[in-house]
Every structure is written in structure tokens, then in C-alpha cells.
Amino acid sequence: MKNSQQSWLGIGFIGLMFLALLVQPGLAPSPSWAQAKAPEIKVPSGTLDAVTAILTRRSIRDYTPHPVPADLVQLLVAAGMSAPSAFNERSTEFVVVNDPKILQEFAKVNPRSLQLKKATVAIVVCGNQAKEKNKGQGYWQLDGAVASENILVAANAVGLGAVWTAIYPYPDRIPKVQKLLGLPEQVIPLNIIPIGYPAEKKMPEPFDPGRLHTNKW
């Protein structure tokens, strides 16, 4: 009986020593690790349904000075990340820019993009060629395009205006944006999407039956 008690006491002591080791610095989960989870994405009330948002989306180039809340920008990035990806490469990267100086420099990259001077925030959609499984096939362009469309539709759905401002494939624009944002060489900016509260209204694009073909041309 005495030996049995000693055995249990020994096991209990070993257990306490193990717990003590776990709480030593570097062994116990750190607060940063415990808090490292995906942010909660909330869809605002009054958001348009998907089909309505698609059918009423227009390219908006004029915005009010009212800043766009950070949670809405995060929602748009989440929409971009939810897009399909060729071979699930997930090569699309997103850079949110709200620095007025950088936004003004963006306008110099493409002098005709006056919308960049009026936006308070923009999302730069990039393709990370280092993540490509099929090198040289250009699937990052397709991934970036569908991600961008998701952002544009989502912006319209929550009452914002946005427009695709092309950087790729212009060889004079790509290195300038890479330098402004400190992008690695293998990360190619596809476009800049300025975002803001619309200061203009546009009617939905009408349905054009002449562009619809059934079974063959």
C-alpha cells in the first residue's frame, strides 16, 4: 500500500514539474500567438444582394472627401480574397494605401487617372509570381482580375464607388508603383482601385441582346 501511494505521489510530482516547464518563457503560448486569428468580417446592414450589386455596378471616378472606414476597406479585401484562384495558387496580394502623399504619387504614374487625386484610400491588387505553381502561364493575371471584380462589386454593394485603374501591362507604370510601395521584383501590380463615397451617379448598363449568342455565333 505504501509503495502504491509513493508511486502516485511520484506521478503527481512529475505532472507538476511538467506544468511548471510549460509556463516557462518560450514554452507557454504567447499572447500574440493566442490572438493570431482571422479578423471577424461583418457585412453591414443594408448591403445590396449579390445580383443587384453586380447589375448596378459602375465605374465611379468622383468621390466625396468623407473617409472610408477601415472595416469597410477590410471587407473589400476579404471579398477579393474570396475570389476563385487558378489551381488554387492564391497568388493575389493586396496593398491598402491611405497615405495622401502616395495617392498623389499614384496620380502621377497615370496622369489621366484623376480619380486617384480624389480618393482617400485605394487597394493595389498585385500578383505574386513567387507563389505560382505553373510558372510563366500568367494565371496571376486571371486571379487578380477576378479578385478585382469582387472588390468592385462589393464596393457597390456597401454604397461605395470604385474603379479599375490599370497598371499592368504598361511597362512604364509597373516599376514606378513597385518603387512607391517597395514591392519585391516578383510582385507585379495589376491595378489600383481607388475607393470612396460616390460624388456622381450613373445608370446601370442596359442589357444588350446583340451581345448574346446561343449555341453558336
Foldseek 3Di string as FASTA:
>chain_A
DVVVVVVVVVVVVVVVVVVVVCPPPPRDDDPVNVPPDDDDQDDDPQFDDLVVLVQFFDAFQAFDLDADDPSLVVNLLVLLQPFDAVVPLSQKDKDKDQPLVLLVVLCVLPVVSCSSNRFRMKIWIKGQQVSDPDHPPPSSLVSSVRSVVSSRSRCSRNQKHKHWAAQPPDPSRFVSVCVSVVNPPRITTGTMIGMHHGPDHDGGDDDDCVVDDPPHD
